[in-house]
Amino acid sequence: MDIQNTVVAVTGGASGLGEATVRYVVEHGGKAAILDVSREKGIALAQELGRDYATYVHADVTSEESVRDAVDQVAGTFGTIHAAVNCAGIGIAQKTLSRNGPHRLDAFSKVISVNLIGSFNVIRLVAEQMAGNEPNEQGERGVIINTASVAAYEGQVGQAAYSASKGGIVGMTLPIARDLAPYGIRVMTIAPGLFDTPLFDTLPRAAKDAMGAMVPFPPRLGEPREYASLVGHIIENAMLNGETIRLDGAIRMQPK
């Protein structure tokens, strides 16, 4: 699928990996829909990129009604959706048991709800829209790209909820790809390592450099544009389907 003239819906598109993806799509001739709960940032980004190329749509990935409305709005603005990228997500640090007592169940449930169930909510509803697309010469109607994490494989202390949510995304990638294959819709997942996103904005430069030095090569934090570049390649490479790609500089996380 050629990214040029392709309509790409990006959840969490107003910041971090999602924002970088939105910018990449527009720079390469596509059209991007910014699906996010951050209205101010989303509108500002869409205005910067131009309304002919980007649009902001408020979307809460945990709500069926919100995502269904968002999909309808994007299709109404740009005609359809060819690709969807799930970047919306949250994280917490809480041990299963600590001096403060057991892990809060509501906190665990919230992370699962946003990261895992929210991703599936988007997948199922954009797939319904994509199924109506005219197939290209290879029979493709759409591509869906999810965001997991290396924490899906090497969760650290305090990451039970986050790791479970990201492990779930990895685990559902293949079966969903098999479910959607008859419709010509591919499904892929990216598992980033340590990336310089707003999550690390509160850290001083020295702390960021120290974290980056943990990466075998290149010894630095990943840049959001590198994630976006992989998204672009996945969109354009029809043989990429049903797999999770680690984007991590060969890092393997230690317990803490």
Protein backbone atom coordinates (compact mmCIF):
# COMPACT_ATOMS: atom_id res chain seq x y z
CA MET A 1 0.00 0.00 0.00
CA ASP A 2 1.50 3.31 -1.11
CA ILE A 3 1.48 5.80 1.75
CA GLN A 4 0.87 8.62 -0.71
CA ASN A 5 -2.84 9.52 -0.74
CA THR A 6 -3.44 6.99 2.04
CA VAL A 7 -5.73 8.00 4.91
CA VAL A 8 -4.17 7.04 8.24
CA ALA A 9 -6.00 7.29 11.58
CA VAL A 10 -3.63 7.60 14.56
CA THR A 11 -4.82 7.20 18.15
CA GLY A 12 -2.74 9.16 20.62
CA GLY A 13 -1.84 11.23 17.58
CA ALA A 14 -1.42 14.55 19.38
CA SER A 15 1.92 13.75 21.05
CA GLY A 16 4.89 11.38 21.22
CA LEU A 17 5.01 8.44 18.85
CA GLY A 18 1.55 9.26 17.53
CA GLU A 19 2.45 12.84 16.67
CA ALA A 20 5.61 11.71 14.89
CA THR A 21 3.51 9.25 12.88
CA VAL A 22 1.01 11.94 11.91
CA ARG A 23 3.83 14.21 10.73
CA TYR A 24 5.48 11.38 8.78
CA VAL A 25 2.25 10.49 6.98
CA VAL A 26 1.61 14.07 5.89
CA GLU A 27 5.25 14.61 4.86
CA HIS A 28 5.00 11.55 2.61
CA GLY A 29 1.84 12.59 0.84
CA GLY A 30 -0.78 10.90 2.99
CA LYS A 31 -3.65 12.28 5.04
CA ALA A 32 -3.72 11.88 8.81
CA ALA A 33 -6.55 11.83 11.32
CA ILE A 34 -5.43 12.72 14.85
CA LEU A 35 -7.55 10.72 17.31
CA ASP A 36 -6.84 11.88 20.85
CA VAL A 37 -8.44 13.04 24.08
CA SER A 38 -6.12 16.08 24.12
CA ARG A 39 -8.27 18.51 22.17
CA GLU A 40 -5.97 21.55 22.39
CA LYS A 41 -2.85 19.71 21.17
CA GLY A 42 -4.75 17.82 18.50
CA ILE A 43 -6.33 20.93 17.02
CA ALA A 44 -3.01 22.80 17.07
CA LEU A 45 -1.24 19.97 15.23
CA ALA A 46 -3.98 19.71 12.61
CA GLN A 47 -3.90 23.46 12.01
CA GLU A 48 -0.12 23.40 11.66
CA LEU A 49 -0.22 20.62 9.06
CA GLY A 50 -3.20 22.04 7.17
CA ARG A 51 -6.82 20.93 7.09
CA ASP A 52 -6.44 19.37 3.64
CA TYR A 53 -3.89 16.94 5.10
CA ALA A 54 -4.76 16.51 8.78
CA THR A 55 -7.83 16.61 10.95
CA TYR A 56 -8.39 16.31 14.69
CA VAL A 57 -11.13 14.07 16.05
CA HIS A 58 -11.77 13.67 19.76
CA ALA A 59 -11.66 9.97 20.64
CA ASP A 60 -11.63 8.00 23.87
CA VAL A 61 -10.36 4.54 22.88
CA THR A 62 -12.14 2.90 25.83
CA SER A 63 -15.57 4.01 24.57
CA GLU A 64 -17.34 2.16 21.75
CA GLU A 65 -19.51 5.19 20.98
CA SER A 66 -16.55 7.59 20.93
CA VAL A 67 -14.45 5.43 18.59
CA ARG A 68 -17.38 4.63 16.30
CA ASP A 69 -18.15 8.35 16.00
CA ALA A 70 -14.47 9.09 15.35
CA VAL A 71 -14.27 6.48 12.57
CA ASP A 72 -17.40 7.95 10.98
CA GLN A 73 -15.98 11.48 11.20
CA VAL A 74 -12.68 10.49 9.60
CA ALA A 75 -14.47 8.65 6.80
CA GLY A 76 -16.73 11.66 6.34
CA THR A 77 -13.76 14.03 6.09
CA PHE A 78 -11.34 11.99 3.97
CA GLY A 79 -13.64 9.41 2.37
CA THR A 80 -12.36 6.31 4.17
CA ILE A 81 -9.57 4.89 6.34
CA HIS A 82 -6.77 2.87 4.76
CA ALA A 83 -4.50 2.47 7.79
CA ALA A 84 -4.84 2.79 11.56
CA VAL A 85 -2.03 3.15 14.09
CA ASN A 86 -2.73 2.54 17.79
CA CYS A 87 -0.46 4.79 19.84
CA ALA A 88 -2.83 5.74 22.67
CA GLY A 89 -1.69 4.31 25.97
CA ILE A 90 -0.91 4.89 29.64
CA GLY A 91 1.48 3.42 32.16
CA ILE A 92 1.80 3.16 35.94
CA ALA A 93 4.48 1.95 38.32
CA GLN A 94 3.02 -0.18 41.10
CA LYS A 95 4.27 -3.38 42.68
CA THR A 96 2.03 -6.40 43.12
CA LEU A 97 2.71 -6.10 46.84
CA SER A 98 4.51 -3.29 48.67
CA ARG A 99 4.62 -1.60 52.05
CA ASN A 100 1.48 0.24 50.93
CA GLY A 101 -0.39 -3.03 50.44
CA PRO A 102 -1.46 -4.96 47.34
CA HIS A 103 -1.59 -3.50 43.84
CA ARG A 104 -4.77 -1.45 43.39
CA LEU A 105 -7.17 -3.42 41.24
CA ASP A 106 -8.74 -0.32 39.72
CA ALA A 107 -5.32 0.90 38.58
CA PHE A 108 -4.56 -2.48 36.97
CA SER A 109 -7.95 -2.50 35.26
CA LYS A 110 -7.51 1.03 33.91
CA VAL A 111 -4.20 0.21 32.23
CA ILE A 112 -5.71 -2.92 30.66
CA SER A 113 -8.78 -0.94 29.60
CA VAL A 114 -6.83 1.80 27.82
CA ASN A 115 -3.88 -0.10 26.39
CA LEU A 116 -5.32 -3.51 25.53
CA ILE A 117 -9.09 -3.21 25.33
CA GLY A 118 -8.79 0.27 23.83
CA SER A 119 -6.52 -1.04 21.08
CA PHE A 120 -8.93 -3.88 20.30
CA ASN A 121 -11.87 -1.48 20.31
CA VAL A 122 -10.17 0.60 17.62
CA ILE A 123 -9.08 -2.46 15.63
CA ARG A 124 -12.56 -3.96 15.37
CA LEU A 125 -14.26 -0.70 14.38
CA VAL A 126 -11.69 0.49 11.83
CA ALA A 127 -11.63 -3.02 10.35
CA GLU A 128 -15.35 -2.73 9.71
CA GLN A 129 -14.72 0.52 7.82
CA MET A 130 -11.71 -0.87 5.92
CA ALA A 131 -13.62 -3.95 4.78
CA GLY A 132 -15.65 -1.71 2.50
CA ASN A 133 -12.58 -0.27 0.73
CA GLU A 134 -11.82 -1.16 -2.86
CA PRO A 135 -8.86 -3.59 -2.84
CA ASN A 136 -5.62 -2.50 -4.50
CA GLU A 137 -3.77 -4.62 -7.06
CA GLN A 138 -2.52 -6.93 -4.28
CA GLY A 139 -5.95 -7.30 -2.74
CA GLU A 140 -5.21 -5.01 0.21
CA ARG A 141 -8.00 -3.05 1.80
CA GLY A 142 -6.23 -1.84 4.91
CA VAL A 143 -3.48 -2.20 7.48
CA ILE A 144 -3.62 -1.88 11.27
CA ILE A 145 -0.49 -1.23 13.35
CA ASN A 146 -0.48 -1.59 17.14
CA THR A 147 2.03 -0.38 19.72
CA ALA A 148 3.28 -2.83 22.32
CA SER A 149 6.56 -2.46 24.23
CA VAL A 150 9.65 -4.44 25.14
CA ALA A 151 7.92 -4.62 28.53
CA ALA A 152 5.71 -7.26 26.94
CA TYR A 153 8.77 -9.54 27.12
CA GLU A 154 10.91 -8.12 29.95
CA GLY A 155 8.64 -6.34 32.35
CA GLN A 156 10.44 -4.57 35.16
CA VAL A 157 9.58 -4.27 38.83
CA GLY A 158 6.30 -2.39 39.15
CA GLN A 159 5.24 -3.06 35.55
CA ALA A 160 2.75 -5.89 36.06
CA ALA A 161 -0.20 -3.91 34.66
CA TYR A 162 1.73 -2.29 31.81
CA SER A 163 3.45 -5.53 30.80
CA ALA A 164 0.18 -7.44 30.88
CA SER A 165 -1.47 -4.87 28.62
CA LYS A 166 1.39 -4.87 26.13
CA GLY A 167 1.77 -8.65 26.25
CA GLY A 168 -1.91 -8.88 25.37
CA ILE A 169 -1.35 -6.71 22.31
CA VAL A 170 1.49 -8.99 21.17
CA GLY A 171 -0.63 -12.07 21.83
CA MET A 172 -3.64 -10.91 19.82
CA THR A 173 -1.67 -9.74 16.78
CA LEU A 174 -1.54 -13.07 14.95
CA PRO A 175 -5.11 -14.24 15.59
CA ILE A 176 -6.51 -10.88 14.52
CA ALA A 177 -4.32 -10.92 11.40
CA ARG A 178 -5.79 -14.35 10.63
CA ASP A 179 -9.32 -13.10 11.32
CA LEU A 180 -8.93 -10.15 8.95
CA ALA A 181 -6.91 -11.85 6.20
CA PRO A 182 -10.05 -12.74 4.17
CA TYR A 183 -10.85 -9.01 4.01
CA GLY A 184 -7.37 -8.05 2.78
CA ILE A 185 -6.52 -6.28 6.04
CA ARG A 186 -3.05 -6.74 7.54
CA VAL A 187 -2.26 -6.46 11.26
CA MET A 188 1.17 -5.70 12.71
CA THR A 189 2.60 -4.64 16.07
CA ILE A 190 5.68 -2.58 16.96
CA ALA A 191 7.34 -3.11 20.35
CA PRO A 192 9.46 -0.02 21.05
CA GLY A 193 12.27 0.06 23.57
CA LEU A 194 13.34 3.28 25.30
CA PHE A 195 12.09 6.23 23.24
CA ASP A 196 12.38 9.96 23.88
CA THR A 197 8.67 10.69 24.31
CA PRO A 198 6.77 13.00 26.70
CA LEU A 199 7.01 10.20 29.27
CA PHE A 200 10.63 11.27 29.82
CA ASP A 201 10.11 15.06 29.61
CA THR A 202 10.44 15.51 33.37
CA LEU A 203 13.87 13.88 33.42
CA PRO A 204 17.06 15.98 33.24
CA ARG A 205 19.32 15.53 30.20
CA ALA A 206 21.85 13.55 32.25
CA ALA A 207 19.17 11.03 33.25
CA LYS A 208 18.04 10.64 29.64
CA ASP A 209 21.63 10.08 28.53
CA ALA A 210 22.11 7.46 31.23
CA MET A 211 19.01 5.59 30.10
CA GLY A 212 20.11 5.80 26.48
CA ALA A 213 23.50 4.38 27.38
CA MET A 214 21.74 1.14 28.39
CA VAL A 215 20.95 0.48 24.73
CA PRO A 216 23.65 -1.68 23.05
CA PHE A 217 23.49 0.21 19.74
CA PRO A 218 22.84 2.96 19.04
CA PRO A 219 23.52 3.92 22.68
CA ARG A 220 20.75 6.51 22.99
CA LEU A 221 17.01 6.85 23.37
CA GLY A 222 15.01 6.11 20.25
CA GLU A 223 13.60 9.05 18.32
CA PRO A 224 9.84 9.11 17.65
CA ARG A 225 10.52 9.64 13.95
CA GLU A 226 12.27 6.24 13.87
CA TYR A 227 9.05 4.66 15.08
CA ALA A 228 7.09 6.60 12.45
CA SER A 229 9.50 5.48 9.75
CA LEU A 230 8.82 1.84 10.62
CA VAL A 231 5.09 2.53 10.48
CA GLY A 232 5.62 3.90 6.98
CA HIS A 233 7.52 0.79 5.91
CA ILE A 234 4.87 -1.53 7.32
CA ILE A 235 2.17 0.33 5.42
CA GLU A 236 4.10 -0.06 2.17
CA ASN A 237 5.34 -3.66 2.59
CA ALA A 238 2.46 -6.05 1.92
CA MET A 239 4.35 -9.12 3.22
CA LEU A 240 4.50 -7.74 6.75
CA ASN A 241 1.55 -9.30 8.54
CA GLY A 242 0.75 -11.01 11.84
CA GLU A 243 4.07 -10.20 13.50
CA THR A 244 5.56 -8.03 16.25
CA ILE A 245 8.75 -6.11 15.46
CA ARG A 246 11.00 -5.03 18.32
CA LEU A 247 12.37 -1.53 17.75
CA ASP A 248 14.83 -1.34 20.60
CA GLY A 249 18.53 -1.16 19.62
CA ALA A 250 18.94 -4.73 21.01
CA ILE A 251 18.14 -3.73 24.60
CA ARG A 252 16.92 -6.40 27.02
CA MET A 253 15.46 -4.82 30.13
CA GLN A 254 16.83 -5.68 33.58
CA PRO A 255 14.52 -6.26 36.58
CA LYS A 256 14.83 -2.61 37.56
